[in-house]
Amino acid sequence: MHSEILIPNLPESTSGAIISQIYVNEGQAVNSGDVLFDVETEKVVLEVPASEDGIIEKFNISQGDNVSSEQVAMLLRKQHQADSPVEAKEVHRVEYIQEKLVKDDSGRVLLEEVVGNSLFDKRGIICGAVGLVFGLVIGVLGTAILIG
């Protein structure tokens, strides 16, 4: 069963709008509330979210198109048990991991590629901040003891 994603009601003073950005692709699984595309008028930019979980079935718009209120922009196929977005995300994750593993001529994984890209994840930032604070405290205490 399909659900229509419509262009929202535009302000009365506006006769039309432009699709400024599209964030999804056909066949992509989306959750309720995910932003699908932006509609730009002379005064505002409206984000259009998904009304329910499902898979983007068909586009009736493209970036730069002029659109009007209540026009059908996309068709969303409602999610069934057989269409699991978890499976699709898992496949993308495996592909992403395979792309990150860069090997040199001898077949060894380059350490700077694996470690270097993960330095700025949440754990790395938290550990760095804790280390910085700990180092400052030890430095101040050491200086206070030496000055005495």
N, C-alpha and C. Protein backbone atom coordinates (compact mmCIF):
# COMPACT_ATOMS: atom_id res chain seq x y z
N MET A 1 0.84 -1.17 0.00
CA MET A 1 0.00 0.00 0.00
C MET A 1 0.89 1.24 0.00
N HIS A 2 0.50 2.24 -0.80
CA HIS A 2 1.30 3.45 -0.94
C HIS A 2 0.68 4.62 -0.20
N SER A 3 1.55 5.52 0.21
CA SER A 3 1.15 6.76 0.85
C SER A 3 1.76 7.90 0.03
N GLU A 4 1.02 8.97 -0.17
CA GLU A 4 1.51 10.09 -0.94
C GLU A 4 2.17 11.12 -0.02
N ILE A 5 3.34 11.60 -0.43
CA ILE A 5 4.00 12.70 0.26
C ILE A 5 3.70 13.95 -0.56
N LEU A 6 3.02 14.91 0.07
CA LEU A 6 2.55 16.10 -0.64
C LEU A 6 3.41 17.31 -0.32
N ILE A 7 3.43 18.26 -1.26
CA ILE A 7 4.02 19.56 -1.00
C ILE A 7 3.14 20.24 0.05
N PRO A 8 3.72 20.80 1.11
CA PRO A 8 2.88 21.41 2.15
C PRO A 8 2.16 22.66 1.65
N ASN A 9 1.16 23.08 2.42
CA ASN A 9 0.46 24.32 2.09
C ASN A 9 1.44 25.48 2.16
N LEU A 10 1.47 26.26 1.11
CA LEU A 10 2.39 27.40 1.03
C LEU A 10 1.68 28.65 1.56
N PRO A 11 2.43 29.64 2.03
CA PRO A 11 1.80 30.88 2.49
C PRO A 11 0.95 31.49 1.39
N GLU A 12 -0.10 32.20 1.79
CA GLU A 12 -1.07 32.75 0.83
C GLU A 12 -0.43 33.69 -0.18
N SER A 13 0.58 34.43 0.23
CA SER A 13 1.20 35.40 -0.67
C SER A 13 2.12 34.74 -1.70
N THR A 14 2.32 33.42 -1.57
CA THR A 14 3.23 32.71 -2.46
C THR A 14 2.44 31.85 -3.43
N SER A 15 2.76 31.98 -4.71
CA SER A 15 2.05 31.19 -5.71
C SER A 15 2.74 29.86 -5.98
N GLY A 16 4.02 29.79 -5.74
CA GLY A 16 4.76 28.55 -5.99
C GLY A 16 6.04 28.52 -5.20
N ALA A 17 6.74 27.42 -5.32
CA ALA A 17 7.99 27.24 -4.59
C ALA A 17 8.93 26.38 -5.44
N ILE A 18 10.14 26.23 -4.95
CA ILE A 18 11.17 25.46 -5.65
C ILE A 18 11.66 24.36 -4.71
N ILE A 19 11.92 23.18 -5.25
CA ILE A 19 12.55 22.10 -4.48
C ILE A 19 14.03 22.44 -4.40
N SER A 20 14.48 22.81 -3.19
CA SER A 20 15.87 23.25 -3.04
C SER A 20 16.83 22.11 -2.72
N GLN A 21 16.35 21.07 -2.03
CA GLN A 21 17.23 19.97 -1.65
C GLN A 21 16.41 18.70 -1.48
N ILE A 22 16.94 17.57 -1.95
CA ILE A 22 16.32 16.27 -1.74
C ILE A 22 17.32 15.41 -0.97
N TYR A 23 16.88 14.84 0.14
CA TYR A 23 17.78 14.11 1.03
C TYR A 23 17.71 12.60 0.90
N VAL A 24 16.80 12.06 0.11
CA VAL A 24 16.61 10.62 0.01
C VAL A 24 16.72 10.17 -1.45
N ASN A 25 16.80 8.87 -1.64
CA ASN A 25 16.85 8.27 -2.97
C ASN A 25 15.70 7.29 -3.10
N GLU A 26 15.33 6.97 -4.34
CA GLU A 26 14.32 5.95 -4.56
C GLU A 26 14.83 4.63 -4.01
N GLY A 27 13.94 3.89 -3.34
CA GLY A 27 14.31 2.61 -2.76
C GLY A 27 14.89 2.71 -1.36
N GLN A 28 15.07 3.92 -0.86
CA GLN A 28 15.65 4.12 0.47
C GLN A 28 14.59 3.96 1.55
N ALA A 29 14.94 3.28 2.63
CA ALA A 29 14.04 3.13 3.78
C ALA A 29 14.12 4.40 4.64
N VAL A 30 12.97 4.90 5.07
CA VAL A 30 12.91 6.09 5.91
C VAL A 30 12.03 5.81 7.12
N ASN A 31 12.29 6.55 8.18
CA ASN A 31 11.48 6.46 9.39
C ASN A 31 10.56 7.67 9.48
N SER A 32 9.50 7.53 10.21
CA SER A 32 8.58 8.65 10.42
C SER A 32 9.34 9.82 11.03
N GLY A 33 9.20 10.99 10.42
CA GLY A 33 9.87 12.18 10.91
C GLY A 33 11.16 12.51 10.19
N ASP A 34 11.72 11.57 9.42
CA ASP A 34 12.94 11.86 8.65
C ASP A 34 12.63 12.93 7.61
N VAL A 35 13.52 13.91 7.46
CA VAL A 35 13.33 14.96 6.47
C VAL A 35 13.63 14.39 5.08
N LEU A 36 12.66 14.53 4.17
CA LEU A 36 12.79 13.98 2.83
C LEU A 36 13.33 15.01 1.84
N PHE A 37 12.80 16.24 1.91
CA PHE A 37 13.23 17.29 0.98
C PHE A 37 12.87 18.65 1.55
N ASP A 38 13.45 19.71 0.95
CA ASP A 38 13.17 21.09 1.34
C ASP A 38 12.43 21.79 0.21
N VAL A 39 11.43 22.58 0.59
CA VAL A 39 10.69 23.41 -0.35
C VAL A 39 11.02 24.87 0.01
N GLU A 40 11.51 25.62 -0.96
CA GLU A 40 11.93 26.99 -0.71
C GLU A 40 11.01 27.98 -1.42
N THR A 41 10.48 28.94 -0.64
CA THR A 41 9.69 30.03 -1.20
C THR A 41 10.54 31.29 -1.12
N GLU A 42 9.95 32.42 -1.47
CA GLU A 42 10.69 33.68 -1.39
C GLU A 42 11.06 34.04 0.04
N LYS A 43 10.27 33.56 1.00
CA LYS A 43 10.47 33.96 2.39
C LYS A 43 10.93 32.85 3.32
N VAL A 44 10.58 31.61 3.06
CA VAL A 44 10.89 30.52 3.99
C VAL A 44 11.38 29.27 3.27
N VAL A 45 12.03 28.41 4.04
CA VAL A 45 12.40 27.08 3.57
C VAL A 45 11.66 26.09 4.46
N LEU A 46 10.85 25.24 3.86
CA LEU A 46 10.04 24.27 4.60
C LEU A 46 10.66 22.89 4.46
N GLU A 47 10.89 22.21 5.58
CA GLU A 47 11.35 20.83 5.56
C GLU A 47 10.13 19.91 5.52
N VAL A 48 10.15 18.95 4.62
CA VAL A 48 9.03 18.02 4.51
C VAL A 48 9.47 16.67 5.06
N PRO A 49 8.87 16.24 6.20
CA PRO A 49 9.25 14.96 6.81
C PRO A 49 8.38 13.81 6.30
N ALA A 50 8.86 12.60 6.52
CA ALA A 50 8.07 11.40 6.22
C ALA A 50 6.96 11.27 7.26
N SER A 51 5.77 10.94 6.81
CA SER A 51 4.64 10.82 7.72
C SER A 51 4.62 9.48 8.45
N GLU A 52 5.33 8.48 7.91
CA GLU A 52 5.36 7.16 8.51
C GLU A 52 6.59 6.41 8.01
N ASP A 53 6.86 5.28 8.62
CA ASP A 53 7.97 4.43 8.17
C ASP A 53 7.63 3.82 6.82
N GLY A 54 8.63 3.68 5.98
CA GLY A 54 8.40 3.06 4.69
C GLY A 54 9.61 3.15 3.79
N ILE A 55 9.37 2.87 2.52
CA ILE A 55 10.42 2.90 1.51
C ILE A 55 9.99 3.86 0.41
N ILE A 56 10.89 4.76 0.00
CA ILE A 56 10.58 5.71 -1.06
C ILE A 56 10.43 4.93 -2.36
N GLU A 57 9.23 4.97 -2.90
CA GLU A 57 8.90 4.18 -4.08
C GLU A 57 9.15 4.94 -5.38
N LYS A 58 8.72 6.21 -5.44
CA LYS A 58 8.80 6.95 -6.70
C LYS A 58 8.88 8.44 -6.41
N PHE A 59 9.70 9.15 -7.20
CA PHE A 59 9.79 10.61 -7.14
C PHE A 59 8.92 11.21 -8.23
N ASN A 60 8.20 12.24 -7.91
CA ASN A 60 7.49 13.04 -8.91
C ASN A 60 8.12 14.42 -9.01
N ILE A 61 9.19 14.63 -8.29
CA ILE A 61 9.89 15.92 -8.26
C ILE A 61 11.38 15.68 -8.46
N SER A 62 12.10 16.75 -8.75
CA SER A 62 13.55 16.71 -8.75
C SER A 62 14.05 18.07 -8.27
N GLN A 63 15.29 18.13 -7.90
CA GLN A 63 15.84 19.37 -7.36
C GLN A 63 15.74 20.48 -8.41
N GLY A 64 15.24 21.65 -7.97
CA GLY A 64 15.09 22.79 -8.86
C GLY A 64 13.71 22.92 -9.48
N ASP A 65 12.84 21.93 -9.32
CA ASP A 65 11.49 21.97 -9.88
C ASP A 65 10.64 23.04 -9.20
N ASN A 66 9.77 23.69 -9.97
CA ASN A 66 8.76 24.59 -9.42
C ASN A 66 7.56 23.73 -9.04
N VAL A 67 7.06 23.91 -7.82
CA VAL A 67 5.95 23.10 -7.32
C VAL A 67 4.88 24.00 -6.72
N SER A 68 3.70 23.43 -6.50
CA SER A 68 2.61 24.17 -5.88
C SER A 68 2.06 23.37 -4.70
N SER A 69 1.22 24.02 -3.90
CA SER A 69 0.65 23.38 -2.71
C SER A 69 -0.11 22.11 -3.07
N GLU A 70 0.00 21.11 -2.20
CA GLU A 70 -0.74 19.84 -2.29
C GLU A 70 -0.38 19.00 -3.52
N GLN A 71 0.71 19.32 -4.20
CA GLN A 71 1.17 18.51 -5.32
C GLN A 71 1.82 17.24 -4.76
N VAL A 72 1.62 16.10 -5.42
CA VAL A 72 2.23 14.85 -4.97
C VAL A 72 3.71 14.89 -5.34
N ALA A 73 4.57 14.79 -4.32
CA ALA A 73 6.01 14.86 -4.53
C ALA A 73 6.64 13.47 -4.63
N MET A 74 6.19 12.56 -3.76
CA MET A 74 6.77 11.21 -3.72
C MET A 74 5.71 10.21 -3.32
N LEU A 75 5.99 8.96 -3.64
CA LEU A 75 5.16 7.86 -3.14
C LEU A 75 5.99 7.07 -2.15
N LEU A 76 5.37 6.77 -1.01
CA LEU A 76 6.02 6.03 0.06
C LEU A 76 5.30 4.70 0.23
N ARG A 77 6.05 3.61 0.07
CA ARG A 77 5.47 2.28 0.28
C ARG A 77 5.58 1.97 1.76
N LYS A 78 4.46 1.65 2.38
CA LYS A 78 4.45 1.35 3.81
C LYS A 78 5.29 0.11 4.09
N GLN A 79 5.95 0.14 5.22
CA GLN A 79 6.87 -0.91 5.62
C GLN A 79 6.13 -2.19 6.00
N HIS A 80 6.54 -3.32 5.41
CA HIS A 80 6.03 -4.63 5.78
C HIS A 80 7.13 -5.37 6.53
N GLN A 81 6.80 -6.45 7.18
CA GLN A 81 7.79 -7.22 7.93
C GLN A 81 8.89 -7.73 7.01
N ALA A 82 8.57 -8.09 5.76
CA ALA A 82 9.57 -8.62 4.84
C ALA A 82 10.55 -7.55 4.40
N ASP A 83 10.13 -6.27 4.40
CA ASP A 83 10.99 -5.17 3.99
C ASP A 83 11.65 -4.58 5.23
N SER A 84 12.68 -5.19 5.70
CA SER A 84 13.31 -4.74 6.93
C SER A 84 14.42 -3.73 6.63
N PRO A 85 14.30 -2.48 7.11
CA PRO A 85 15.36 -1.50 6.88
C PRO A 85 16.64 -1.88 7.62
N VAL A 86 16.55 -2.70 8.65
CA VAL A 86 17.73 -3.12 9.40
C VAL A 86 18.66 -3.92 8.48
N GLU A 87 18.09 -4.78 7.65
CA GLU A 87 18.90 -5.56 6.73
C GLU A 87 19.62 -4.64 5.75
N ALA A 88 18.94 -3.66 5.22
CA ALA A 88 19.55 -2.75 4.26
C ALA A 88 20.66 -1.94 4.92
N LYS A 89 20.44 -1.47 6.14
CA LYS A 89 21.47 -0.71 6.85
C LYS A 89 22.68 -1.59 7.13
N GLU A 90 22.47 -2.86 7.44
CA GLU A 90 23.57 -3.77 7.73
C GLU A 90 24.45 -3.95 6.50
N VAL A 91 23.85 -4.08 5.34
CA VAL A 91 24.60 -4.22 4.10
C VAL A 91 25.44 -2.97 3.86
N HIS A 92 24.85 -1.78 4.05
CA HIS A 92 25.61 -0.55 3.85
C HIS A 92 26.77 -0.45 4.84
N ARG A 93 26.57 -0.90 6.07
CA ARG A 93 27.62 -0.86 7.10
C ARG A 93 28.77 -1.77 6.71
N VAL A 94 28.47 -2.98 6.20
CA VAL A 94 29.52 -3.90 5.78
C VAL A 94 30.32 -3.29 4.63
N GLU A 95 29.65 -2.68 3.65
CA GLU A 95 30.33 -2.04 2.54
C GLU A 95 31.23 -0.92 3.04
N TYR A 96 30.73 -0.15 4.00
CA TYR A 96 31.49 0.97 4.54
C TYR A 96 32.76 0.48 5.24
N ILE A 97 32.65 -0.61 6.00
CA ILE A 97 33.81 -1.16 6.70
C ILE A 97 34.83 -1.67 5.69
N GLN A 98 34.36 -2.32 4.63
CA GLN A 98 35.28 -2.84 3.63
C GLN A 98 36.02 -1.71 2.94
N GLU A 99 35.36 -0.57 2.71
CA GLU A 99 36.01 0.57 2.08
C GLU A 99 37.08 1.16 2.99
N LYS A 100 36.87 1.11 4.31
CA LYS A 100 37.82 1.69 5.25
C LYS A 100 39.10 0.87 5.38
N LEU A 101 39.02 -0.42 5.11
CA LEU A 101 40.19 -1.27 5.24
C LEU A 101 41.06 -1.15 3.99
N VAL A 102 42.05 -0.31 4.07
CA VAL A 102 42.95 -0.09 2.95
C VAL A 102 44.20 -0.91 3.21
N LYS A 103 44.61 -1.71 2.24
CA LYS A 103 45.76 -2.58 2.43
C LYS A 103 46.92 -2.10 1.56
N ASP A 104 48.16 -2.24 2.12
CA ASP A 104 49.33 -1.91 1.30
C ASP A 104 49.75 -3.15 0.52
N ASP A 105 50.90 -3.09 -0.15
CA ASP A 105 51.33 -4.18 -1.03
C ASP A 105 51.50 -5.50 -0.31
N SER A 106 51.93 -5.49 0.96
CA SER A 106 52.17 -6.75 1.66
C SER A 106 50.90 -7.32 2.28
N GLY A 107 49.76 -6.63 2.15
CA GLY A 107 48.50 -7.15 2.66
C GLY A 107 48.19 -6.72 4.08
N ARG A 108 49.08 -5.96 4.71
CA ARG A 108 48.82 -5.49 6.07
C ARG A 108 47.87 -4.30 6.02
N VAL A 109 47.00 -4.21 6.98
CA VAL A 109 46.08 -3.08 7.07
C VAL A 109 46.87 -1.88 7.56
N LEU A 110 46.74 -0.77 6.87
CA LEU A 110 47.46 0.43 7.28
C LEU A 110 46.88 0.96 8.58
N LEU A 111 47.71 1.05 9.61
CA LEU A 111 47.27 1.44 10.93
C LEU A 111 46.71 2.84 10.95
N GLU A 112 47.31 3.76 10.23
CA GLU A 112 46.82 5.14 10.26
C GLU A 112 45.44 5.28 9.64
N GLU A 113 45.07 4.40 8.71
CA GLU A 113 43.73 4.46 8.13
C GLU A 113 42.69 4.00 9.13
N VAL A 114 42.97 2.92 9.87
CA VAL A 114 42.01 2.38 10.81
C VAL A 114 41.92 3.24 12.06
N VAL A 115 43.07 3.63 12.63
CA VAL A 115 43.09 4.41 13.87
C VAL A 115 42.80 5.87 13.60
N GLY A 116 43.37 6.42 12.55
CA GLY A 116 43.25 7.85 12.27
C GLY A 116 41.83 8.31 12.05
N ASN A 117 41.01 7.51 11.41
CA ASN A 117 39.63 7.91 11.15
C ASN A 117 38.74 7.81 12.37
N SER A 118 39.15 7.03 13.38
CA SER A 118 38.30 6.86 14.56
C SER A 118 38.70 7.78 15.70
N LEU A 119 39.70 8.63 15.51
CA LEU A 119 40.14 9.51 16.59
C LEU A 119 39.09 10.53 16.97
N PHE A 120 38.21 10.88 16.06
CA PHE A 120 37.26 11.94 16.33
C PHE A 120 35.85 11.44 16.59
N ASP A 121 35.71 10.16 16.92
CA ASP A 121 34.39 9.69 17.31
C ASP A 121 34.13 10.11 18.75
N LYS A 122 32.96 9.85 19.28
CA LYS A 122 32.57 10.33 20.61
C LYS A 122 33.51 9.84 21.70
N ARG A 123 33.88 8.57 21.66
CA ARG A 123 34.76 8.04 22.70
C ARG A 123 36.11 8.72 22.66
N GLY A 124 36.65 8.97 21.47
CA GLY A 124 37.94 9.63 21.36
C GLY A 124 37.92 11.04 21.91
N ILE A 125 36.86 11.77 21.64
CA ILE A 125 36.74 13.13 22.14
C ILE A 125 36.60 13.14 23.66
N ILE A 126 35.81 12.23 24.20
CA ILE A 126 35.62 12.16 25.65
C ILE A 126 36.94 11.79 26.33
N CYS A 127 37.63 10.79 25.82
CA CYS A 127 38.91 10.38 26.41
C CYS A 127 39.93 11.50 26.31
N GLY A 128 39.96 12.19 25.21
CA GLY A 128 40.88 13.32 25.06
C GLY A 128 40.59 14.43 26.05
N ALA A 129 39.31 14.74 26.25
CA ALA A 129 38.93 15.79 27.20
C ALA A 129 39.30 15.39 28.62
N VAL A 130 39.05 14.13 29.00
CA VAL A 130 39.42 13.65 30.34
C VAL A 130 40.93 13.70 30.52
N GLY A 131 41.68 13.28 29.54
CA GLY A 131 43.14 13.34 29.60
C GLY A 131 43.66 14.75 29.73
N LEU A 132 43.06 15.68 29.01
CA LEU A 132 43.46 17.08 29.08
C LEU A 132 43.23 17.64 30.48
N VAL A 133 42.04 17.39 31.04
CA VAL A 133 41.73 17.88 32.39
C VAL A 133 42.67 17.25 33.41
N PHE A 134 42.90 15.95 33.31
CA PHE A 134 43.79 15.26 34.23
C PHE A 134 45.21 15.83 34.13
N GLY A 135 45.69 16.05 32.95
CA GLY A 135 47.03 16.62 32.75
C GLY A 135 47.15 18.02 33.32
N LEU A 136 46.12 18.84 33.14
CA LEU A 136 46.15 20.19 33.70
C LEU A 136 46.19 20.17 35.23
N VAL A 137 45.39 19.29 35.84
CA VAL A 137 45.36 19.19 37.30
C VAL A 137 46.72 18.76 37.82
N ILE A 138 47.32 17.76 37.24
CA ILE A 138 48.65 17.28 37.66
C ILE A 138 49.69 18.38 37.45
N GLY A 139 49.60 19.10 36.35
CA GLY A 139 50.54 20.18 36.09
C GLY A 139 50.43 21.30 37.10
N VAL A 140 49.21 21.70 37.45
CA VAL A 140 49.00 22.76 38.43
C VAL A 140 49.49 22.32 39.80
N LEU A 141 49.18 21.07 40.21
CA LEU A 141 49.65 20.56 41.50
C LEU A 141 51.16 20.50 41.54
N GLY A 142 51.78 20.03 40.50
CA GLY A 142 53.25 19.96 40.44
C GLY A 142 53.88 21.34 40.53
N THR A 143 53.32 22.29 39.84
CA THR A 143 53.83 23.66 39.90
C THR A 143 53.66 24.25 41.29
N ALA A 144 52.53 24.01 41.93
CA ALA A 144 52.28 24.52 43.28
C ALA A 144 53.27 23.91 44.27
N ILE A 145 53.61 22.64 44.12
CA ILE A 145 54.56 21.99 45.02
C ILE A 145 55.96 22.56 44.81
N LEU A 146 56.36 22.78 43.56
CA LEU A 146 57.69 23.32 43.28
C LEU A 146 57.85 24.76 43.75
N ILE A 147 56.82 25.57 43.61
CA ILE A 147 56.88 26.97 44.03
C ILE A 147 56.81 27.04 45.55
N GLY A 148 56.05 26.19 46.12
CA GLY A 148 55.92 25.91 47.48
C GLY A 148 55.54 26.77 48.51
